[in-house]
Amino acid sequence: MRYHTGKFTAMEEILNLNVLVKQMALAFGLAMLLGNGFAIIQNRRGKSPSGEEGKFRAGRAWWLFTVGALIAIWGAASLLS
């Protein structure tokens, strides 16, 4: 990290935006992974949200689970590299 002797610092250096974007990708991917994984498990147990109507779409849940896994792997790999 570069230090400035001046009064103002670039916004990127204050917030460290390069790392922040990588962390957000990891968090978003993990949220998709955990949320859809929980929905899949609850559906297999025969439970559904109270007050909700409609059928469980397993294909959509598995698709979003897979996309979340890919985004989480991408975010983790970006942070480690």
C-alpha atoms as a PDB file:
ATOM      1  CA  MET A   1       0.000   0.000   0.000  1.00  0.00           C
ATOM      2  CA  ARG A   2       1.278   3.403  -0.911  1.00  0.00           C
ATOM      3  CA  TYR A   3       1.199   6.212   1.614  1.00  0.00           C
ATOM      4  CA  HIS A   4       0.593   9.786   0.618  1.00  0.00           C
ATOM      5  CA  THR A   5       1.944  12.773   2.420  1.00  0.00           C
ATOM      6  CA  GLY A   6      -0.855  14.920   1.028  1.00  0.00           C
ATOM      7  CA  LYS A   7      -4.184  15.713   2.604  1.00  0.00           C
ATOM      8  CA  PHE A   8      -6.348  13.528   0.324  1.00  0.00           C
ATOM      9  CA  THR A   9      -6.024   9.851  -0.569  1.00  0.00           C
ATOM     10  CA  ALA A  10      -7.527   8.068  -3.552  1.00  0.00           C
ATOM     11  CA  MET A  11     -10.845   6.361  -2.809  1.00  0.00           C
ATOM     12  CA  GLU A  12      -9.500   3.016  -4.010  1.00  0.00           C
ATOM     13  CA  GLU A  13      -6.756   3.113  -1.426  1.00  0.00           C
ATOM     14  CA  ILE A  14      -9.109   4.089   1.387  1.00  0.00           C
ATOM     15  CA  LEU A  15     -11.621   1.299   0.742  1.00  0.00           C
ATOM     16  CA  ASN A  16      -9.219  -1.165  -0.919  1.00  0.00           C
ATOM     17  CA  LEU A  17     -11.797  -1.769  -3.659  1.00  0.00           C
ATOM     18  CA  ASN A  18      -9.835  -4.569  -5.335  1.00  0.00           C
ATOM     19  CA  VAL A  19     -10.167  -6.776  -2.276  1.00  0.00           C
ATOM     20  CA  LEU A  20     -13.700  -5.588  -1.502  1.00  0.00           C
ATOM     21  CA  VAL A  21     -15.048  -6.720  -4.891  1.00  0.00           C
ATOM     22  CA  LYS A  22     -13.430 -10.142  -4.442  1.00  0.00           C
ATOM     23  CA  GLN A  23     -14.916 -10.485  -0.957  1.00  0.00           C
ATOM     24  CA  MET A  24     -18.345  -9.491  -2.234  1.00  0.00           C
ATOM     25  CA  ALA A  25     -18.177 -12.117  -4.997  1.00  0.00           C
ATOM     26  CA  LEU A  26     -17.267 -14.758  -2.425  1.00  0.00           C
ATOM     27  CA  ALA A  27     -20.063 -13.656  -0.066  1.00  0.00           C
ATOM     28  CA  PHE A  28     -22.665 -13.533  -2.848  1.00  0.00           C
ATOM     29  CA  GLY A  29     -21.680 -16.988  -4.101  1.00  0.00           C
ATOM     30  CA  LEU A  30     -21.772 -18.471  -0.607  1.00  0.00           C
ATOM     31  CA  ALA A  31     -25.178 -16.907   0.056  1.00  0.00           C
ATOM     32  CA  MET A  32     -26.557 -18.478  -3.122  1.00  0.00           C
ATOM     33  CA  LEU A  33     -24.951 -21.803  -2.265  1.00  0.00           C
ATOM     34  CA  LEU A  34     -26.240 -21.925   1.307  1.00  0.00           C
ATOM     35  CA  GLY A  35     -29.701 -20.554   0.559  1.00  0.00           C
ATOM     36  CA  ASN A  36     -30.447 -22.934  -2.266  1.00  0.00           C
ATOM     37  CA  GLY A  37     -28.826 -25.838  -0.445  1.00  0.00           C
ATOM     38  CA  PHE A  38     -31.099 -25.184   2.529  1.00  0.00           C
ATOM     39  CA  ALA A  39     -34.151 -25.028   0.241  1.00  0.00           C
ATOM     40  CA  ILE A  40     -33.195 -28.330  -1.398  1.00  0.00           C
ATOM     41  CA  ILE A  41     -32.691 -30.040   1.971  1.00  0.00           C
ATOM     42  CA  GLN A  42     -35.970 -28.697   3.365  1.00  0.00           C
ATOM     43  CA  ASN A  43     -37.833 -29.876   0.265  1.00  0.00           C
ATOM     44  CA  ARG A  44     -36.370 -33.371   0.617  1.00  0.00           C
ATOM     45  CA  ARG A  45     -37.577 -33.446   4.226  1.00  0.00           C
ATOM     46  CA  GLY A  46     -41.075 -32.545   3.030  1.00  0.00           C
ATOM     47  CA  LYS A  47     -41.113 -29.088   4.597  1.00  0.00           C
ATOM     48  CA  SER A  48     -42.207 -25.896   2.884  1.00  0.00           C
ATOM     49  CA  PRO A  49     -42.296 -22.268   4.025  1.00  0.00           C
ATOM     50  CA  SER A  50     -45.432 -21.434   6.012  1.00  0.00           C
ATOM     51  CA  GLY A  51     -47.902 -19.258   4.183  1.00  0.00           C
ATOM     52  CA  GLU A  52     -46.310 -19.839   0.788  1.00  0.00           C
ATOM     53  CA  GLU A  53     -48.060 -21.449  -2.147  1.00  0.00           C
ATOM     54  CA  GLY A  54     -46.668 -22.992  -5.290  1.00  0.00           C
ATOM     55  CA  LYS A  55     -44.495 -25.957  -6.005  1.00  0.00           C
ATOM     56  CA  PHE A  56     -40.801 -26.341  -5.427  1.00  0.00           C
ATOM     57  CA  ARG A  57     -38.799 -26.057  -8.629  1.00  0.00           C
ATOM     58  CA  ALA A  58     -35.887 -28.423  -8.095  1.00  0.00           C
ATOM     59  CA  GLY A  59     -34.222 -27.639 -11.427  1.00  0.00           C
ATOM     60  CA  ARG A  60     -34.078 -23.947 -10.648  1.00  0.00           C
ATOM     61  CA  ALA A  61     -32.761 -24.565  -7.127  1.00  0.00           C
ATOM     62  CA  TRP A  62     -30.024 -26.878  -8.403  1.00  0.00           C
ATOM     63  CA  TRP A  63     -29.103 -24.405 -11.173  1.00  0.00           C
ATOM     64  CA  LEU A  64     -28.770 -21.517  -8.694  1.00  0.00           C
ATOM     65  CA  PHE A  65     -26.870 -23.802  -6.298  1.00  0.00           C
ATOM     66  CA  THR A  66     -24.364 -24.571  -9.082  1.00  0.00           C
ATOM     67  CA  VAL A  67     -24.037 -20.922 -10.109  1.00  0.00           C
ATOM     68  CA  GLY A  68     -23.477 -19.957  -6.457  1.00  0.00           C
ATOM     69  CA  ALA A  69     -20.765 -22.605  -6.142  1.00  0.00           C
ATOM     70  CA  LEU A  70     -18.991 -21.289  -9.244  1.00  0.00           C
ATOM     71  CA  ILE A  71     -19.155 -17.678  -8.034  1.00  0.00           C
ATOM     72  CA  ALA A  72     -17.890 -18.705  -4.571  1.00  0.00           C
ATOM     73  CA  ILE A  73     -14.983 -20.647  -6.091  1.00  0.00           C
ATOM     74  CA  TRP A  74     -14.179 -17.703  -8.349  1.00  0.00           C
ATOM     75  CA  GLY A  75     -14.237 -15.253  -5.409  1.00  0.00           C
ATOM     76  CA  ALA A  76     -12.079 -17.531  -3.215  1.00  0.00           C
ATOM     77  CA  ALA A  77      -9.576 -18.108  -6.023  1.00  0.00           C
ATOM     78  CA  SER A  78      -9.398 -14.352  -6.661  1.00  0.00           C
ATOM     79  CA  LEU A  79      -8.672 -13.678  -3.001  1.00  0.00           C
ATOM     80  CA  LEU A  80      -5.953 -16.329  -2.842  1.00  0.00           C
ATOM     81  CA  SER A  81      -4.169 -15.197  -6.006  1.00  0.00           C
END
